[in-house]
Amino acid sequence: MDTPVSQTVKPKQGMAIAGLVCGIIAFLILPPVFGVLGIVFGAISWKDGNKLGMAATIVSIVGLIVGMIVGAAMAM
């Protein structure tokens, strides 16, 4: 008889890292595009139980807001 082997699976961090990268890029380049992408990637990762996903979501929200403010200030 085979006995079941318990395995601990670490959540994949690819989506969280993509969210962080998009959030950081949103500070300088195209905040509406990269900020929203970062929020989506971070939220998906966070929903899957990855704590880095929460950080990615927060960084992306801040990047979106700050990027929009900086863009508006430079347009004046």
N, C-alpha and C. Protein backbone atom coordinates (compact mmCIF):
# COMPACT_ATOMS: atom_id res chain seq x y z
N MET A 1 0.83 -1.18 0.00
CA MET A 1 0.00 0.00 0.00
C MET A 1 0.87 1.25 0.00
N ASP A 2 0.45 2.18 -0.79
CA ASP A 2 1.16 3.46 -0.81
C ASP A 2 0.58 4.38 0.24
N THR A 3 1.44 5.01 0.96
CA THR A 3 0.98 5.99 1.94
C THR A 3 1.05 7.37 1.31
N PRO A 4 0.05 8.20 1.55
CA PRO A 4 0.08 9.54 0.96
C PRO A 4 1.21 10.37 1.55
N VAL A 5 1.87 11.09 0.72
CA VAL A 5 2.97 11.95 1.13
C VAL A 5 2.47 13.38 1.15
N SER A 6 2.61 14.03 2.29
CA SER A 6 2.17 15.42 2.35
C SER A 6 3.29 16.31 1.80
N GLN A 7 2.89 17.19 0.94
CA GLN A 7 3.85 18.10 0.34
C GLN A 7 3.40 19.52 0.63
N THR A 8 4.36 20.35 0.96
CA THR A 8 4.04 21.76 1.12
C THR A 8 4.44 22.45 -0.17
N VAL A 9 3.50 23.12 -0.76
CA VAL A 9 3.73 23.79 -2.02
C VAL A 9 3.80 25.28 -1.76
N LYS A 10 4.93 25.87 -2.11
CA LYS A 10 5.09 27.30 -1.94
C LYS A 10 4.38 28.00 -3.10
N PRO A 11 3.58 29.01 -2.79
CA PRO A 11 2.87 29.70 -3.87
C PRO A 11 3.86 30.29 -4.87
N LYS A 12 3.49 30.24 -6.11
CA LYS A 12 4.36 30.80 -7.14
C LYS A 12 4.41 32.31 -6.99
N GLN A 13 5.60 32.84 -7.16
CA GLN A 13 5.77 34.27 -6.95
C GLN A 13 5.89 35.05 -8.26
N GLY A 14 5.69 34.40 -9.38
CA GLY A 14 5.83 35.09 -10.67
C GLY A 14 4.86 36.25 -10.83
N MET A 15 3.61 36.02 -10.46
CA MET A 15 2.62 37.09 -10.59
C MET A 15 2.93 38.24 -9.63
N ALA A 16 3.40 37.92 -8.43
CA ALA A 16 3.72 38.96 -7.46
C ALA A 16 4.91 39.79 -7.94
N ILE A 17 5.90 39.14 -8.49
CA ILE A 17 7.08 39.86 -8.99
C ILE A 17 6.68 40.73 -10.18
N ALA A 18 5.84 40.20 -11.07
CA ALA A 18 5.36 40.99 -12.20
C ALA A 18 4.58 42.21 -11.70
N GLY A 19 3.78 42.02 -10.65
CA GLY A 19 3.04 43.13 -10.07
C GLY A 19 3.95 44.19 -9.47
N LEU A 20 5.00 43.74 -8.78
CA LEU A 20 5.96 44.69 -8.21
C LEU A 20 6.68 45.48 -9.30
N VAL A 21 7.10 44.79 -10.34
CA VAL A 21 7.80 45.46 -11.44
C VAL A 21 6.88 46.48 -12.11
N CYS A 22 5.64 46.09 -12.38
CA CYS A 22 4.70 47.02 -12.99
C CYS A 22 4.42 48.21 -12.07
N GLY A 23 4.31 47.96 -10.77
CA GLY A 23 4.07 49.04 -9.82
C GLY A 23 5.22 50.02 -9.76
N ILE A 24 6.44 49.53 -9.83
CA ILE A 24 7.61 50.41 -9.81
C ILE A 24 7.70 51.21 -11.10
N ILE A 25 7.43 50.56 -12.22
CA ILE A 25 7.46 51.26 -13.51
C ILE A 25 6.37 52.34 -13.56
N ALA A 26 5.25 52.09 -12.88
CA ALA A 26 4.13 53.04 -12.89
C ALA A 26 4.50 54.39 -12.28
N PHE A 27 5.53 54.43 -11.45
CA PHE A 27 5.96 55.71 -10.89
C PHE A 27 6.44 56.67 -11.97
N LEU A 28 7.00 56.12 -13.07
CA LEU A 28 7.64 56.96 -14.07
C LEU A 28 7.01 56.91 -15.46
N ILE A 29 6.53 55.74 -15.86
CA ILE A 29 6.08 55.56 -17.24
C ILE A 29 4.66 55.03 -17.27
N LEU A 30 3.78 55.70 -17.97
CA LEU A 30 2.40 55.25 -18.19
C LEU A 30 1.72 54.68 -16.93
N PRO A 31 1.51 55.50 -15.92
CA PRO A 31 0.91 55.01 -14.68
C PRO A 31 -0.45 54.32 -14.86
N PRO A 32 -1.34 54.81 -15.74
CA PRO A 32 -2.63 54.11 -15.86
C PRO A 32 -2.48 52.67 -16.36
N VAL A 33 -1.53 52.43 -17.23
CA VAL A 33 -1.36 51.09 -17.78
C VAL A 33 -0.63 50.19 -16.79
N PHE A 34 0.56 50.60 -16.39
CA PHE A 34 1.38 49.75 -15.52
C PHE A 34 0.82 49.65 -14.10
N GLY A 35 0.20 50.72 -13.61
CA GLY A 35 -0.40 50.68 -12.29
C GLY A 35 -1.54 49.68 -12.21
N VAL A 36 -2.41 49.71 -13.21
CA VAL A 36 -3.55 48.79 -13.22
C VAL A 36 -3.07 47.35 -13.42
N LEU A 37 -2.11 47.15 -14.31
CA LEU A 37 -1.55 45.79 -14.49
C LEU A 37 -0.94 45.28 -13.20
N GLY A 38 -0.20 46.14 -12.51
CA GLY A 38 0.41 45.74 -11.24
C GLY A 38 -0.62 45.39 -10.18
N ILE A 39 -1.70 46.16 -10.14
CA ILE A 39 -2.77 45.87 -9.18
C ILE A 39 -3.41 44.52 -9.49
N VAL A 40 -3.65 44.26 -10.77
CA VAL A 40 -4.28 42.99 -11.15
C VAL A 40 -3.35 41.81 -10.83
N PHE A 41 -2.08 41.92 -11.23
CA PHE A 41 -1.13 40.83 -10.96
C PHE A 41 -0.97 40.61 -9.45
N GLY A 42 -0.84 41.70 -8.71
CA GLY A 42 -0.67 41.58 -7.26
C GLY A 42 -1.90 40.99 -6.59
N ALA A 43 -3.08 41.40 -7.04
CA ALA A 43 -4.31 40.89 -6.43
C ALA A 43 -4.49 39.40 -6.71
N ILE A 44 -4.16 38.97 -7.92
CA ILE A 44 -4.25 37.55 -8.24
C ILE A 44 -3.30 36.75 -7.36
N SER A 45 -2.08 37.24 -7.23
CA SER A 45 -1.10 36.55 -6.40
C SER A 45 -1.51 36.55 -4.93
N TRP A 46 -2.02 37.67 -4.48
CA TRP A 46 -2.46 37.80 -3.09
C TRP A 46 -3.61 36.85 -2.81
N LYS A 47 -4.53 36.74 -3.77
CA LYS A 47 -5.67 35.84 -3.63
C LYS A 47 -5.22 34.38 -3.53
N ASP A 48 -4.12 34.05 -4.20
CA ASP A 48 -3.58 32.69 -4.16
C ASP A 48 -2.81 32.41 -2.88
N GLY A 49 -2.73 33.39 -1.98
CA GLY A 49 -2.09 33.18 -0.69
C GLY A 49 -0.64 33.62 -0.61
N ASN A 50 -0.18 34.37 -1.58
CA ASN A 50 1.19 34.83 -1.59
C ASN A 50 1.27 36.20 -0.90
N LYS A 51 2.06 36.30 0.16
CA LYS A 51 2.17 37.57 0.89
C LYS A 51 2.85 38.65 0.06
N LEU A 52 3.71 38.26 -0.85
CA LEU A 52 4.36 39.24 -1.73
C LEU A 52 3.33 39.89 -2.65
N GLY A 53 2.23 39.21 -2.91
CA GLY A 53 1.15 39.78 -3.71
C GLY A 53 0.53 40.99 -3.05
N MET A 54 0.43 40.98 -1.72
CA MET A 54 -0.09 42.13 -1.01
C MET A 54 0.83 43.33 -1.20
N ALA A 55 2.13 43.12 -1.08
CA ALA A 55 3.09 44.21 -1.27
C ALA A 55 3.02 44.74 -2.70
N ALA A 56 2.89 43.83 -3.67
CA ALA A 56 2.81 44.24 -5.07
C ALA A 56 1.57 45.09 -5.31
N THR A 57 0.45 44.71 -4.70
CA THR A 57 -0.78 45.47 -4.86
C THR A 57 -0.64 46.87 -4.27
N ILE A 58 -0.06 46.96 -3.10
CA ILE A 58 0.11 48.26 -2.44
C ILE A 58 1.07 49.14 -3.23
N VAL A 59 2.20 48.58 -3.67
CA VAL A 59 3.17 49.35 -4.45
C VAL A 59 2.53 49.84 -5.75
N SER A 60 1.73 49.01 -6.37
CA SER A 60 1.09 49.40 -7.63
C SER A 60 0.06 50.50 -7.43
N ILE A 61 -0.69 50.44 -6.34
CA ILE A 61 -1.66 51.50 -6.05
C ILE A 61 -0.94 52.82 -5.82
N VAL A 62 0.11 52.78 -5.01
CA VAL A 62 0.89 54.00 -4.75
C VAL A 62 1.55 54.50 -6.04
N GLY A 63 2.09 53.59 -6.83
CA GLY A 63 2.71 53.97 -8.10
C GLY A 63 1.72 54.61 -9.05
N LEU A 64 0.52 54.09 -9.08
CA LEU A 64 -0.53 54.66 -9.93
C LEU A 64 -0.87 56.07 -9.49
N ILE A 65 -1.09 56.25 -8.20
CA ILE A 65 -1.48 57.57 -7.69
C ILE A 65 -0.36 58.58 -7.84
N VAL A 66 0.84 58.23 -7.39
CA VAL A 66 1.97 59.16 -7.46
C VAL A 66 2.34 59.44 -8.92
N GLY A 67 2.31 58.43 -9.76
CA GLY A 67 2.62 58.62 -11.18
C GLY A 67 1.63 59.57 -11.85
N MET A 68 0.36 59.45 -11.50
CA MET A 68 -0.64 60.35 -12.07
C MET A 68 -0.43 61.78 -11.58
N ILE A 69 -0.09 61.95 -10.31
CA ILE A 69 0.15 63.29 -9.77
C ILE A 69 1.38 63.92 -10.43
N VAL A 70 2.45 63.14 -10.55
CA VAL A 70 3.67 63.66 -11.19
C VAL A 70 3.40 64.00 -12.65
N GLY A 71 2.67 63.15 -13.35
CA GLY A 71 2.34 63.41 -14.74
C GLY A 71 1.50 64.67 -14.90
N ALA A 72 0.55 64.87 -14.00
CA ALA A 72 -0.29 66.07 -14.06
C ALA A 72 0.52 67.32 -13.74
N ALA A 73 1.45 67.21 -12.80
CA ALA A 73 2.28 68.37 -12.43
C ALA A 73 3.22 68.74 -13.58
N MET A 74 3.73 67.74 -14.29
CA MET A 74 4.63 68.02 -15.41
C MET A 74 3.88 68.58 -16.61
N ALA A 75 2.61 68.30 -16.72
CA ALA A 75 1.82 68.78 -17.84
C ALA A 75 1.45 70.26 -17.69
N MET A 76 1.54 70.75 -16.46
CA MET A 76 1.16 72.16 -16.23
C MET A 76 2.22 73.09 -16.71
